[in-house]
Amino acid sequence: GQISDYQLALTIKNELLPGMLKLQERMEKVQPPQELVSTHETGIKMINKNVQAYSEVISAVQTRDTSKITSANGCLSEARELERKYVREIQEYRKKL
């Protein structure tokens, strides 16, 4: 079935965003080994972009501003790019072990 924009915003606000914020908090507390500092920062940036995108979607629904959806899509695209980079770097690191 389909869900309304309002239901989507509620799902993001009540289910996705809290989990992402907890992950963001946990990642900020991690002290990675020196060789993973840059990779860790990439992961943090990825999470931050997802949080920004989720917030934009919620705001778009609340204000009925479709330009915020465009902004959210841009953030999600950047987050996916950062995720690919993060995964590649972790895989390269694991190969060295």
C-alpha atoms as a PDB file:
ATOM      1  CA  GLY A   1       0.000   0.000   0.000  1.00  0.00           C
ATOM      2  CA  GLN A   2       0.846   3.627  -0.044  1.00  0.00           C
ATOM      3  CA  ILE A   3       1.533   5.947   2.841  1.00  0.00           C
ATOM      4  CA  SER A   4       0.855   9.644   2.973  1.00  0.00           C
ATOM      5  CA  ASP A   5       3.530  12.305   3.169  1.00  0.00           C
ATOM      6  CA  TYR A   6       2.499  12.883   6.777  1.00  0.00           C
ATOM      7  CA  GLN A   7       2.894   9.176   7.620  1.00  0.00           C
ATOM      8  CA  LEU A   8       6.308   9.169   5.939  1.00  0.00           C
ATOM      9  CA  ALA A   9       7.412  12.178   7.985  1.00  0.00           C
ATOM     10  CA  LEU A  10       6.179  10.525  11.188  1.00  0.00           C
ATOM     11  CA  THR A  11       8.018   7.298  10.380  1.00  0.00           C
ATOM     12  CA  ILE A  12      11.226   9.200   9.698  1.00  0.00           C
ATOM     13  CA  LYS A  13      10.814  11.328  12.827  1.00  0.00           C
ATOM     14  CA  ASN A  14       9.844   8.505  15.189  1.00  0.00           C
ATOM     15  CA  GLU A  15      11.775   5.530  13.805  1.00  0.00           C
ATOM     16  CA  LEU A  16      14.607   6.389  11.426  1.00  0.00           C
ATOM     17  CA  LEU A  17      15.901   9.671  12.839  1.00  0.00           C
ATOM     18  CA  PRO A  18      16.247   8.509  16.474  1.00  0.00           C
ATOM     19  CA  GLY A  19      18.269   5.473  15.386  1.00  0.00           C
ATOM     20  CA  MET A  20      20.483   7.598  13.175  1.00  0.00           C
ATOM     21  CA  LEU A  21      21.033  10.103  16.009  1.00  0.00           C
ATOM     22  CA  LYS A  22      22.042   7.286  18.374  1.00  0.00           C
ATOM     23  CA  LEU A  23      24.466   5.959  15.778  1.00  0.00           C
ATOM     24  CA  GLN A  24      25.821   9.473  15.279  1.00  0.00           C
ATOM     25  CA  GLU A  25      26.407   9.820  19.021  1.00  0.00           C
ATOM     26  CA  ARG A  26      28.140   6.439  19.242  1.00  0.00           C
ATOM     27  CA  MET A  27      30.374   7.174  16.247  1.00  0.00           C
ATOM     28  CA  GLU A  28      31.427  10.519  17.743  1.00  0.00           C
ATOM     29  CA  LYS A  29      32.643   8.723  20.876  1.00  0.00           C
ATOM     30  CA  VAL A  30      34.812   6.196  19.034  1.00  0.00           C
ATOM     31  CA  GLN A  31      38.560   6.735  19.062  1.00  0.00           C
ATOM     32  CA  PRO A  32      39.764   4.808  16.003  1.00  0.00           C
ATOM     33  CA  PRO A  33      43.348   3.711  15.462  1.00  0.00           C
ATOM     34  CA  GLN A  34      45.431   6.321  13.637  1.00  0.00           C
ATOM     35  CA  GLU A  35      45.234   4.506  10.298  1.00  0.00           C
ATOM     36  CA  LEU A  36      41.398   4.637  10.423  1.00  0.00           C
ATOM     37  CA  VAL A  37      40.893   8.257  11.511  1.00  0.00           C
ATOM     38  CA  SER A  38      40.133   9.474   7.982  1.00  0.00           C
ATOM     39  CA  THR A  39      37.800   6.534   7.331  1.00  0.00           C
ATOM     40  CA  HIS A  40      36.041   7.157  10.632  1.00  0.00           C
ATOM     41  CA  GLU A  41      35.517  10.811   9.680  1.00  0.00           C
ATOM     42  CA  THR A  42      33.994   9.665   6.389  1.00  0.00           C
ATOM     43  CA  GLY A  43      31.545   7.512   8.355  1.00  0.00           C
ATOM     44  CA  ILE A  44      30.610  10.430  10.579  1.00  0.00           C
ATOM     45  CA  LYS A  45      30.038  12.666   7.546  1.00  0.00           C
ATOM     46  CA  MET A  46      27.848   9.967   6.008  1.00  0.00           C
ATOM     47  CA  ILE A  47      25.676   9.771   9.116  1.00  0.00           C
ATOM     48  CA  ASN A  48      25.465  13.562   9.357  1.00  0.00           C
ATOM     49  CA  LYS A  49      24.264  13.768   5.745  1.00  0.00           C
ATOM     50  CA  ASN A  50      21.575  11.177   6.457  1.00  0.00           C
ATOM     51  CA  VAL A  51      20.434  13.102   9.535  1.00  0.00           C
ATOM     52  CA  GLN A  52      20.319  16.295   7.488  1.00  0.00           C
ATOM     53  CA  ALA A  53      18.288  14.558   4.766  1.00  0.00           C
ATOM     54  CA  TYR A  54      15.795  13.096   7.239  1.00  0.00           C
ATOM     55  CA  SER A  55      15.370  16.499   8.864  1.00  0.00           C
ATOM     56  CA  GLU A  56      14.778  18.089   5.450  1.00  0.00           C
ATOM     57  CA  VAL A  57      12.047  15.568   4.611  1.00  0.00           C
ATOM     58  CA  ILE A  58      10.285  16.226   7.920  1.00  0.00           C
ATOM     59  CA  SER A  59      10.541  19.958   7.346  1.00  0.00           C
ATOM     60  CA  ALA A  60       9.308  19.624   3.754  1.00  0.00           C
ATOM     61  CA  VAL A  61       6.162  17.865   4.905  1.00  0.00           C
ATOM     62  CA  GLN A  62       5.553  20.334   7.724  1.00  0.00           C
ATOM     63  CA  THR A  63       6.016  23.401   5.518  1.00  0.00           C
ATOM     64  CA  ARG A  64       4.857  21.849   2.217  1.00  0.00           C
ATOM     65  CA  ASP A  65       8.086  23.107   0.661  1.00  0.00           C
ATOM     66  CA  THR A  66       9.037  20.808  -2.188  1.00  0.00           C
ATOM     67  CA  SER A  67      12.460  22.434  -2.533  1.00  0.00           C
ATOM     68  CA  LYS A  68      13.352  20.759   0.759  1.00  0.00           C
ATOM     69  CA  ILE A  69      12.718  17.375  -0.875  1.00  0.00           C
ATOM     70  CA  THR A  70      15.219  18.325  -3.572  1.00  0.00           C
ATOM     71  CA  SER A  71      17.671  19.278  -0.830  1.00  0.00           C
ATOM     72  CA  ALA A  72      17.011  15.983   1.003  1.00  0.00           C
ATOM     73  CA  ASN A  73      17.621  14.013  -2.194  1.00  0.00           C
ATOM     74  CA  GLY A  74      20.954  15.799  -2.616  1.00  0.00           C
ATOM     75  CA  CYS A  75      21.929  14.942   0.955  1.00  0.00           C
ATOM     76  CA  LEU A  76      20.952  11.300   0.463  1.00  0.00           C
ATOM     77  CA  SER A  77      23.002  11.151  -2.722  1.00  0.00           C
ATOM     78  CA  GLU A  78      26.031  12.550  -0.882  1.00  0.00           C
ATOM     79  CA  ALA A  79      25.454  10.095   1.978  1.00  0.00           C
ATOM     80  CA  ARG A  80      25.419   7.149  -0.450  1.00  0.00           C
ATOM     81  CA  GLU A  81      28.659   8.369  -2.026  1.00  0.00           C
ATOM     82  CA  LEU A  82      30.266   8.657   1.411  1.00  0.00           C
ATOM     83  CA  GLU A  83      28.974   5.214   2.333  1.00  0.00           C
ATOM     84  CA  ARG A  84      30.607   3.668  -0.738  1.00  0.00           C
ATOM     85  CA  LYS A  85      33.887   5.388   0.121  1.00  0.00           C
ATOM     86  CA  TYR A  86      33.634   4.254   3.755  1.00  0.00           C
ATOM     87  CA  VAL A  87      32.978   0.631   2.778  1.00  0.00           C
ATOM     88  CA  ARG A  88      35.853   0.616   0.251  1.00  0.00           C
ATOM     89  CA  GLU A  89      38.259   2.001   2.857  1.00  0.00           C
ATOM     90  CA  ILE A  90      37.184  -0.534   5.482  1.00  0.00           C
ATOM     91  CA  GLN A  91      37.563  -3.371   2.964  1.00  0.00           C
ATOM     92  CA  GLU A  92      41.048  -2.163   2.026  1.00  0.00           C
ATOM     93  CA  TYR A  93      42.010  -1.955   5.686  1.00  0.00           C
ATOM     94  CA  ARG A  94      40.736  -5.497   6.353  1.00  0.00           C
ATOM     95  CA  LYS A  95      42.815  -6.844   3.462  1.00  0.00           C
ATOM     96  CA  LYS A  96      45.935  -5.513   5.190  1.00  0.00           C
ATOM     97  CA  LEU A  97      45.201  -7.444   8.385  1.00  0.00           C
END
